[in-house]
Amino acid sequence: MQKSTKRVLGVAGICVVAAASGYVGAGLSSGSESGGVGGPQGSFIDDIKDRGELRVGVAIAAPMTVQGSDGTLGGPNLIPLRALADQLGVELKPVAAEWKNIVAGLQADRYDFAANLDYTVERSLAIQFTDPVYEYQAVYVVKADSPHTTAEQIRADGGAVATAQGSAPEKAVQETGLTVMPVDNYSNALSALQAGRVIAEFADLPTAEAQTLADPSLKIVVPDPPIYSASAAYGIPADTDTRSLQIINIAIERARESGELARAYADVDYHEIDDLGDLVKK
């Protein structure tokens, strides 16, 4: 069975998660009471408070991260960070980024967090991760009149597939042996599909849902078995201290357990992968 995209990892306790998961960035058992990975405990959070801004790098992947008509960056994925900023008494400042450079921007101190970022081993060698905000599967988007209803049919066709360059799904779809056309973002990937330059787009489920809901001439093909599934979290600097990481993870847990994230998903018409209905190509 395919996993639910809105199911998040249960948290029995921050320290238990860190010890059991083995994720780079959980790290709550490392460091000391006075120091830790990034120096004095709480120093990452203290720096944000002293600056008066909580900066978050945002690459567009609607509906989780979006850009409004006025250019404002937002979306459900920022809810835990907005709540954290409110608790710290600072301003939440979204910073525009692209998937191909979002990690580099974090390393260059352009922002404190990289939003909506998938756990990958490659990324974990350079940065830390928070607890997951949500989980999802990557899917294909095709034209409604496409002859393809399965991932195997798309692979057998031999045509090119577009995806966002630097996104985590890009590497997974490349490993299937398909001809892949990487482009700057998912909007351009969709444009390539609509123009007939590719036979499908490979994207995260939230992006695919937003595109197909906005345009009934598009449908979703769900790979079975999955080609790529992931936990989406926040990326943070590699030297973030463990006390600050604990505070951030508590903010994520509170947003989940309070139902605030679930309500935000419903507001943007986000569905679980086994509840896509007519969005799926038949």
Protein backbone atom coordinates (compact mmCIF):
# COMPACT_ATOMS: atom_id res chain seq x y z
CA MET A 1 0.00 0.00 0.00
CA GLN A 2 1.14 3.55 -0.66
CA LYS A 3 1.81 5.75 2.33
CA SER A 4 -0.26 8.77 3.32
CA THR A 5 1.39 12.03 2.41
CA LYS A 6 -0.02 13.84 5.41
CA ARG A 7 1.05 11.24 7.95
CA VAL A 8 3.90 12.62 9.97
CA LEU A 9 6.33 10.76 12.17
CA GLY A 10 5.04 10.41 15.70
CA VAL A 11 7.15 12.02 18.37
CA ALA A 12 7.29 10.18 21.69
CA GLY A 13 10.01 12.49 22.92
CA ILE A 14 12.64 14.63 21.31
CA CYS A 15 15.54 12.67 22.73
CA VAL A 16 14.00 9.30 21.76
CA VAL A 17 13.57 10.45 18.17
CA ALA A 18 17.14 11.69 18.00
CA ALA A 19 18.57 8.50 19.42
CA ALA A 20 16.45 6.13 17.33
CA SER A 21 16.37 7.82 13.96
CA GLY A 22 20.06 8.25 13.30
CA TYR A 23 19.34 11.34 11.22
CA VAL A 24 22.15 13.80 10.89
CA GLY A 25 20.80 16.83 12.63
CA ALA A 26 18.80 15.00 15.30
CA GLY A 27 21.96 15.07 17.37
CA LEU A 28 20.31 15.70 20.73
CA SER A 29 22.64 13.25 22.41
CA SER A 30 25.76 14.99 21.15
CA GLY A 31 27.46 17.97 22.69
CA SER A 32 27.48 19.02 26.33
CA GLU A 33 25.33 21.12 28.59
CA SER A 34 27.57 24.10 28.12
CA GLY A 35 28.59 23.66 24.51
CA GLY A 36 27.15 21.27 21.94
CA VAL A 37 27.51 21.13 18.21
CA GLY A 38 27.33 24.84 17.54
CA GLY A 39 28.70 26.37 20.72
CA PRO A 40 26.69 27.54 23.75
CA GLN A 41 23.30 25.89 24.05
CA GLY A 42 20.54 28.06 22.59
CA SER A 43 22.98 30.23 20.65
CA PHE A 44 21.24 29.67 17.29
CA ILE A 45 17.91 30.83 18.73
CA ASP A 46 19.64 33.67 20.60
CA ASP A 47 21.16 34.94 17.35
CA ILE A 48 17.68 35.06 15.79
CA LYS A 49 16.32 36.97 18.77
CA ASP A 50 19.22 39.43 18.72
CA ARG A 51 18.72 40.04 14.98
CA GLY A 52 14.97 40.48 15.38
CA GLU A 53 14.34 38.32 12.29
CA LEU A 54 13.81 34.65 11.61
CA ARG A 55 14.95 34.22 8.00
CA VAL A 56 13.66 31.30 5.97
CA GLY A 57 14.69 30.36 2.44
CA VAL A 58 11.65 29.52 0.32
CA ALA A 59 11.66 27.74 -3.04
CA ILE A 60 8.21 27.61 -4.61
CA ALA A 61 6.39 24.26 -4.46
CA ALA A 62 2.68 25.08 -4.23
CA PRO A 63 0.63 24.60 -2.18
CA MET A 64 3.18 24.04 0.61
CA THR A 65 5.29 27.06 -0.34
CA VAL A 66 3.76 29.74 -2.53
CA GLN A 67 4.21 33.27 -3.79
CA GLY A 68 1.21 35.60 -3.59
CA SER A 69 0.13 38.07 -6.25
CA ASP A 70 1.94 40.78 -4.29
CA GLY A 71 5.18 38.77 -4.31
CA THR A 72 4.85 37.68 -0.67
CA LEU A 73 6.22 34.22 0.09
CA GLY A 74 4.18 31.95 2.34
CA GLY A 75 2.22 28.70 2.48
CA PRO A 76 1.33 26.00 5.04
CA ASN A 77 4.94 24.83 5.35
CA LEU A 78 5.88 28.09 7.08
CA ILE A 79 3.26 27.76 9.84
CA PRO A 80 5.57 26.19 12.47
CA LEU A 81 8.24 28.83 11.81
CA ARG A 82 5.69 31.63 11.98
CA ALA A 83 4.57 30.33 15.37
CA LEU A 84 8.18 30.09 16.50
CA ALA A 85 8.89 33.64 15.37
CA ASP A 86 5.85 34.86 17.32
CA GLN A 87 7.06 33.06 20.45
CA LEU A 88 10.51 34.61 20.06
CA GLY A 89 9.07 38.07 19.44
CA VAL A 90 10.78 38.42 16.05
CA GLU A 91 9.69 38.98 12.45
CA LEU A 92 9.40 36.05 10.05
CA LYS A 93 11.31 37.02 6.91
CA PRO A 94 10.92 34.70 3.88
CA VAL A 95 13.82 34.86 1.41
CA ALA A 96 13.39 33.76 -2.22
CA ALA A 97 15.43 30.69 -3.20
CA GLU A 98 15.50 27.99 -5.88
CA TRP A 99 15.80 24.25 -5.37
CA LYS A 100 19.15 24.13 -7.13
CA ASN A 101 20.72 26.59 -4.65
CA ILE A 102 18.59 26.47 -1.50
CA VAL A 103 21.18 24.48 0.48
CA ALA A 104 24.00 26.72 -0.72
CA GLY A 105 22.03 29.75 0.44
CA LEU A 106 21.68 28.22 3.90
CA GLN A 107 25.42 27.53 4.04
CA ALA A 108 26.12 31.11 2.95
CA ASP A 109 23.97 32.46 5.85
CA ARG A 110 21.39 34.05 3.55
CA TYR A 111 18.76 32.56 5.86
CA ASP A 112 18.46 30.54 9.05
CA PHE A 113 16.13 27.82 7.71
CA ALA A 114 15.56 26.19 4.33
CA ALA A 115 11.84 25.43 4.08
CA ASN A 116 10.17 22.28 2.76
CA LEU A 117 13.45 20.39 2.39
CA ASP A 118 13.62 16.61 1.98
CA TYR A 119 15.88 14.40 4.04
CA THR A 120 18.70 13.14 1.82
CA VAL A 121 22.08 11.70 2.76
CA GLU A 122 23.82 14.13 0.40
CA ARG A 123 22.22 17.14 2.07
CA SER A 124 22.81 15.76 5.57
CA LEU A 125 26.54 15.81 4.89
CA ALA A 126 26.33 19.60 4.59
CA ILE A 127 23.47 20.65 6.90
CA GLN A 128 21.26 19.47 9.75
CA PHE A 129 17.56 18.62 9.57
CA THR A 130 14.73 19.26 11.95
CA ASP A 131 11.94 16.77 12.60
CA PRO A 132 9.63 16.26 9.59
CA VAL A 133 6.77 18.66 8.96
CA TYR A 134 4.99 16.21 6.61
CA GLU A 135 5.61 13.23 4.32
CA TYR A 136 4.84 12.83 0.65
CA GLN A 137 5.39 10.76 -2.48
CA ALA A 138 6.56 12.04 -5.85
CA VAL A 139 4.22 11.48 -8.82
CA TYR A 140 3.92 12.14 -12.53
CA VAL A 141 1.75 14.86 -14.06
CA VAL A 142 0.52 14.15 -17.59
CA LYS A 143 -1.97 15.66 -19.99
CA ALA A 144 -5.50 14.37 -19.53
CA ASP A 145 -5.45 12.98 -23.07
CA SER A 146 -2.15 11.15 -22.53
CA PRO A 147 -2.25 7.43 -23.35
CA HIS A 148 -0.22 6.70 -20.20
CA THR A 149 -1.94 5.65 -16.98
CA THR A 150 1.01 3.98 -15.23
CA ALA A 151 4.63 4.79 -14.46
CA GLU A 152 5.69 1.74 -16.47
CA GLN A 153 3.94 3.08 -19.57
CA ILE A 154 5.72 6.42 -19.15
CA ARG A 155 9.07 4.64 -18.84
CA ALA A 156 8.37 2.42 -21.86
CA ASP A 157 7.44 5.43 -24.01
CA GLY A 158 11.03 6.68 -23.97
CA GLY A 159 10.03 10.35 -24.04
CA ALA A 160 11.58 12.99 -21.82
CA VAL A 161 10.27 13.87 -18.36
CA ALA A 162 10.65 17.35 -16.86
CA THR A 163 11.44 18.05 -13.21
CA ALA A 164 12.83 20.85 -11.06
CA GLN A 165 16.62 21.01 -11.10
CA GLY A 166 18.13 20.45 -7.69
CA SER A 167 14.92 19.01 -6.22
CA ALA A 168 15.19 15.70 -4.38
CA PRO A 169 12.84 13.92 -6.85
CA GLU A 170 15.19 14.83 -9.73
CA LYS A 171 17.84 12.27 -8.77
CA ALA A 172 15.25 9.55 -8.12
CA VAL A 173 13.63 9.87 -11.53
CA GLN A 174 17.02 9.99 -13.23
CA GLU A 175 17.86 6.63 -11.65
CA THR A 176 14.86 5.03 -13.41
CA GLY A 177 16.69 5.38 -16.73
CA LEU A 178 14.27 7.94 -18.12
CA THR A 179 15.42 10.88 -20.19
CA VAL A 180 15.11 13.77 -17.75
CA MET A 181 14.84 17.47 -18.59
CA PRO A 182 15.83 19.48 -15.49
CA VAL A 183 14.49 23.05 -15.44
CA ASP A 184 14.69 25.89 -12.92
CA ASN A 185 11.38 25.20 -11.17
CA TYR A 186 8.15 23.22 -11.37
CA SER A 187 6.33 26.02 -13.17
CA ASN A 188 8.78 25.70 -16.05
CA ALA A 189 8.51 21.90 -15.88
CA LEU A 190 4.75 22.23 -16.30
CA SER A 191 5.23 24.65 -19.19
CA ALA A 192 7.43 22.06 -20.91
CA LEU A 193 4.67 19.47 -20.52
CA GLN A 194 1.97 21.81 -21.82
CA ALA A 195 4.13 22.75 -24.81
CA GLY A 196 4.65 19.09 -25.69
CA ARG A 197 8.41 19.13 -25.12
CA VAL A 198 8.09 16.31 -22.56
CA ILE A 199 5.58 13.51 -21.98
CA ALA A 200 5.30 14.06 -18.22
CA GLU A 201 6.45 16.10 -15.26
CA PHE A 202 7.84 14.41 -12.13
CA ALA A 203 7.02 16.41 -9.02
CA ASP A 204 6.20 16.17 -5.33
CA LEU A 205 2.54 15.38 -4.66
CA PRO A 206 1.63 18.82 -3.23
CA THR A 207 2.93 20.51 -6.38
CA ALA A 208 1.20 17.99 -8.64
CA GLU A 209 -2.11 18.45 -6.82
CA ALA A 210 -1.94 22.22 -7.07
CA GLN A 211 -1.26 22.03 -10.80
CA THR A 212 -4.02 19.54 -11.58
CA LEU A 213 -6.58 21.32 -9.42
CA ALA A 214 -5.84 24.55 -11.28
CA ASP A 215 -5.96 22.94 -14.73
CA PRO A 216 -8.43 20.10 -15.48
CA SER A 217 -6.48 19.26 -18.66
CA LEU A 218 -3.85 17.67 -16.38
CA LYS A 219 -3.93 14.39 -14.46
CA ILE A 220 -1.73 12.57 -11.94
CA VAL A 221 -0.09 9.18 -12.44
CA VAL A 222 0.91 7.58 -9.13
CA PRO A 223 3.95 5.25 -9.45
CA ASP A 224 3.35 1.84 -7.91
CA PRO A 225 5.72 0.95 -6.35
CA PRO A 226 6.80 4.47 -5.44
CA ILE A 227 9.82 5.94 -7.21
CA TYR A 228 10.45 8.51 -4.50
CA SER A 229 8.97 9.08 -1.03
CA ALA A 230 10.29 11.54 1.50
CA SER A 231 9.97 13.36 4.78
CA ALA A 232 9.95 17.12 4.30
CA ALA A 233 11.58 19.07 7.12
CA TYR A 234 13.53 22.29 7.60
CA GLY A 235 17.20 22.47 6.79
CA ILE A 236 19.31 24.32 9.35
CA PRO A 237 23.05 25.10 9.54
CA ALA A 238 25.35 22.17 10.28
CA ASP A 239 26.64 23.78 13.48
CA THR A 240 23.23 24.51 15.04
CA ASP A 241 23.36 23.74 18.76
CA THR A 242 21.19 20.94 20.14
CA ARG A 243 19.15 23.08 22.53
CA SER A 244 18.01 25.32 19.66
CA LEU A 245 17.15 22.25 17.58
CA GLN A 246 15.00 20.95 20.41
CA ILE A 247 13.08 24.25 20.57
CA ILE A 248 12.49 24.18 16.80
CA ASN A 249 11.26 20.58 16.93
CA ILE A 250 8.83 21.44 19.69
CA ALA A 251 7.39 24.21 17.50
CA ILE A 252 6.92 21.70 14.67
CA GLU A 253 5.27 19.17 16.98
CA ARG A 254 2.90 21.80 18.39
CA ALA A 255 1.81 22.85 14.88
CA ARG A 256 1.06 19.22 14.05
CA GLU A 257 -0.63 18.21 17.27
CA SER A 258 -2.77 21.35 17.50
CA GLY A 259 -4.33 20.57 14.13
CA GLU A 260 -3.13 23.88 12.70
CA LEU A 261 -1.20 22.20 9.90
CA ALA A 262 -4.09 19.86 9.06
CA ARG A 263 -6.48 22.82 8.83
CA ALA A 264 -4.03 24.67 6.59
CA TYR A 265 -3.77 21.65 4.28
CA ALA A 266 -7.56 21.48 4.04
CA ASP A 267 -7.71 25.20 3.24
CA VAL A 268 -5.48 24.68 0.18
CA ASP A 269 -7.38 21.52 -0.87
CA TYR A 270 -4.47 19.20 -0.23
CA HIS A 271 -5.38 15.49 -0.34
CA GLU A 272 -3.67 12.30 0.73
CA ILE A 273 -2.33 10.10 -2.02
CA ASP A 274 -5.06 7.49 -1.56
CA ASP A 275 -7.76 10.18 -1.75
CA LEU A 276 -6.99 11.88 -5.08
CA GLY A 277 -10.24 10.91 -6.79
CA ASP A 278 -10.66 12.37 -10.26
CA LEU A 279 -7.21 13.94 -10.18
CA VAL A 280 -5.77 10.52 -11.08
CA LYS A 281 -5.38 9.52 -14.74
CA LYS A 282 -7.77 6.64 -15.47
